[in-house]
Structures are given as structure tokens and as C-alpha cells.
């Protein structure tokens, strides 16, 4: 998809729509936990900020929750640029 990029590439304050999650790259419990936290295709996410010294973890807003997300996990979440506001 030409308009997708990884969630870790968002700039702070950017909002985008989750296009796909590489669940094959996750163990089943982690994939289930992401789902329970609201990380699903079609859901809007916002990058709030990155940790200093390498930016790991990322603070991401999903719905009304703020979630700390490791960069290794963020690399498995593709976002749709068309959803950036």
C-alpha cells in the first residue's frame, strides 16, 4: 500500500488510522493484549511523545487510553496516511 507507514514513524501530535497489524510477528498473548487495549484495524491512534535517548517506548493514545508501546511492537503496526489529521 503506497499510503501506509509504520506507527513508529508518526510525528508527535499526529493522528492516523491503523491499517494493519502484523499479528504473525506477535505471540498470541501479546496479540490478544493489543486487541484488548484497542489496537485494531480502523482505529485512530495518536503519537503523544517518545521517551528520551532512543525514543523507546512511545506514548500512544488509543481511544481514551494512553499506552506505552515498545518500538519493536510499534514496528508491527501499519497506519494509513490518509487518516492523518
C-alpha atoms as a PDB file:
ATOM      1  CA  UNK A   1       0.000   0.000   0.000  1.00  0.00           C
ATOM      2  CA  UNK A   2       1.608   3.261  -1.040  1.00  0.00           C
ATOM      3  CA  UNK A   3      -0.095   5.365   1.645  1.00  0.00           C
ATOM      4  CA  UNK A   4       0.841   3.258   4.666  1.00  0.00           C
ATOM      5  CA  UNK A   5       3.707   3.658   7.066  1.00  0.00           C
ATOM      6  CA  UNK A   6       4.611   2.341  10.481  1.00  0.00           C
ATOM      7  CA  UNK A   7       3.143   3.801  13.647  1.00  0.00           C
ATOM      8  CA  UNK A   8       6.651   4.467  14.976  1.00  0.00           C
ATOM      9  CA  UNK A   9       7.139   6.970  12.111  1.00  0.00           C
ATOM     10  CA  UNK A  10       4.346   9.279  13.294  1.00  0.00           C
ATOM     11  CA  UNK A  11       5.375  12.714  14.483  1.00  0.00           C
ATOM     12  CA  UNK A  12       4.237  13.710  17.985  1.00  0.00           C
ATOM     13  CA  UNK A  13       0.675  15.033  17.780  1.00  0.00           C
ATOM     14  CA  UNK A  14      -0.123  13.220  14.528  1.00  0.00           C
ATOM     15  CA  UNK A  15      -3.278  11.126  14.386  1.00  0.00           C
ATOM     16  CA  UNK A  16      -3.639   8.235  11.939  1.00  0.00           C
ATOM     17  CA  UNK A  17      -5.790   5.181  11.368  1.00  0.00           C
ATOM     18  CA  UNK A  18      -4.460   1.674  11.958  1.00  0.00           C
ATOM     19  CA  UNK A  19      -4.362  -0.071   8.569  1.00  0.00           C
ATOM     20  CA  UNK A  20      -2.896  -3.423   9.602  1.00  0.00           C
ATOM     21  CA  UNK A  21      -1.250  -5.248  12.483  1.00  0.00           C
ATOM     22  CA  UNK A  22       1.290  -7.980  11.785  1.00  0.00           C
ATOM     23  CA  UNK A  23      -0.142 -10.419  14.327  1.00  0.00           C
ATOM     24  CA  UNK A  24       2.119 -13.180  12.965  1.00  0.00           C
ATOM     25  CA  UNK A  25       5.041 -11.240  14.432  1.00  0.00           C
ATOM     26  CA  UNK A  26       3.481 -11.399  17.916  1.00  0.00           C
ATOM     27  CA  UNK A  27       2.944 -14.215  20.354  1.00  0.00           C
ATOM     28  CA  UNK A  28      -0.792 -14.958  20.854  1.00  0.00           C
ATOM     29  CA  UNK A  29      -0.964 -13.404  24.334  1.00  0.00           C
ATOM     30  CA  UNK A  30       0.604 -10.145  23.155  1.00  0.00           C
ATOM     31  CA  UNK A  31      -1.694 -10.024  20.123  1.00  0.00           C
ATOM     32  CA  UNK A  32      -4.687 -10.521  22.427  1.00  0.00           C
ATOM     33  CA  UNK A  33      -3.428  -7.809  24.791  1.00  0.00           C
ATOM     34  CA  UNK A  34      -3.068  -5.322  21.930  1.00  0.00           C
ATOM     35  CA  UNK A  35      -6.631  -6.107  20.895  1.00  0.00           C
ATOM     36  CA  UNK A  36      -7.857  -5.592  24.469  1.00  0.00           C
ATOM     37  CA  UNK A  37      -6.089  -2.220  24.576  1.00  0.00           C
ATOM     38  CA  UNK A  38      -7.955  -1.172  21.426  1.00  0.00           C
ATOM     39  CA  UNK A  39      -5.284  -1.680  18.762  1.00  0.00           C
ATOM     40  CA  UNK A  40      -7.390  -2.887  15.838  1.00  0.00           C
ATOM     41  CA  UNK A  41      -7.650  -2.056  12.145  1.00  0.00           C
ATOM     42  CA  UNK A  42      -9.700   1.090  11.542  1.00  0.00           C
ATOM     43  CA  UNK A  43      -8.974   2.628  14.965  1.00  0.00           C
ATOM     44  CA  UNK A  44      -7.407   6.085  15.233  1.00  0.00           C
ATOM     45  CA  UNK A  45      -4.136   6.422  17.148  1.00  0.00           C
ATOM     46  CA  UNK A  46      -2.126   9.486  18.146  1.00  0.00           C
ATOM     47  CA  UNK A  47       1.563   9.600  18.976  1.00  0.00           C
ATOM     48  CA  UNK A  48       1.855  11.679  22.135  1.00  0.00           C
ATOM     49  CA  UNK A  49       5.610  11.523  22.688  1.00  0.00           C
ATOM     50  CA  UNK A  50       8.735   9.389  22.603  1.00  0.00           C
ATOM     51  CA  UNK A  51      10.983   8.547  25.521  1.00  0.00           C
ATOM     52  CA  UNK A  52      14.335  10.362  25.505  1.00  0.00           C
ATOM     53  CA  UNK A  53      17.538   8.604  24.460  1.00  0.00           C
ATOM     54  CA  UNK A  54      16.307   6.457  21.590  1.00  0.00           C
ATOM     55  CA  UNK A  55      12.564   7.012  21.835  1.00  0.00           C
ATOM     56  CA  UNK A  56      11.634   3.691  23.409  1.00  0.00           C
ATOM     57  CA  UNK A  57       8.853   3.358  24.477  1.00  0.00           C
ATOM     58  CA  UNK A  58       6.357   5.505  22.592  1.00  0.00           C
ATOM     59  CA  UNK A  59       3.333   7.027  24.315  1.00  0.00           C
ATOM     60  CA  UNK A  60       0.324   6.417  22.074  1.00  0.00           C
ATOM     61  CA  UNK A  61      -3.303   7.419  22.590  1.00  0.00           C
ATOM     62  CA  UNK A  62      -5.823   4.791  21.524  1.00  0.00           C
ATOM     63  CA  UNK A  63      -9.395   5.837  22.228  1.00  0.00           C
ATOM     64  CA  UNK A  64      -9.353   7.380  25.706  1.00  0.00           C
ATOM     65  CA  UNK A  65      -6.272   5.471  26.894  1.00  0.00           C
ATOM     66  CA  UNK A  66      -2.595   6.295  26.808  1.00  0.00           C
ATOM     67  CA  UNK A  67      -0.458   3.228  26.159  1.00  0.00           C
ATOM     68  CA  UNK A  68       3.325   2.815  26.355  1.00  0.00           C
ATOM     69  CA  UNK A  69       4.343   0.878  23.278  1.00  0.00           C
ATOM     70  CA  UNK A  70       7.807  -0.565  22.663  1.00  0.00           C
ATOM     71  CA  UNK A  71       9.309   0.317  19.281  1.00  0.00           C
ATOM     72  CA  UNK A  72       9.676  -3.381  18.459  1.00  0.00           C
ATOM     73  CA  UNK A  73       5.906  -3.760  18.796  1.00  0.00           C
ATOM     74  CA  UNK A  74       5.189  -0.437  17.074  1.00  0.00           C
ATOM     75  CA  UNK A  75       7.049  -1.733  14.014  1.00  0.00           C
ATOM     76  CA  UNK A  76       4.285  -4.313  13.583  1.00  0.00           C
ATOM     77  CA  UNK A  77       1.520  -1.690  13.334  1.00  0.00           C
ATOM     78  CA  UNK A  78       0.922  -0.017   9.971  1.00  0.00           C
ATOM     79  CA  UNK A  79      -1.046   3.198   9.784  1.00  0.00           C
ATOM     80  CA  UNK A  80      -2.916   4.793   6.916  1.00  0.00           C
ATOM     81  CA  UNK A  81      -1.563   8.226   5.964  1.00  0.00           C
ATOM     82  CA  UNK A  82      -4.957   9.189   4.606  1.00  0.00           C
ATOM     83  CA  UNK A  83      -6.195   9.055   8.183  1.00  0.00           C
ATOM     84  CA  UNK A  84      -3.660  11.628   9.395  1.00  0.00           C
ATOM     85  CA  UNK A  85      -5.384  14.773  10.623  1.00  0.00           C
END
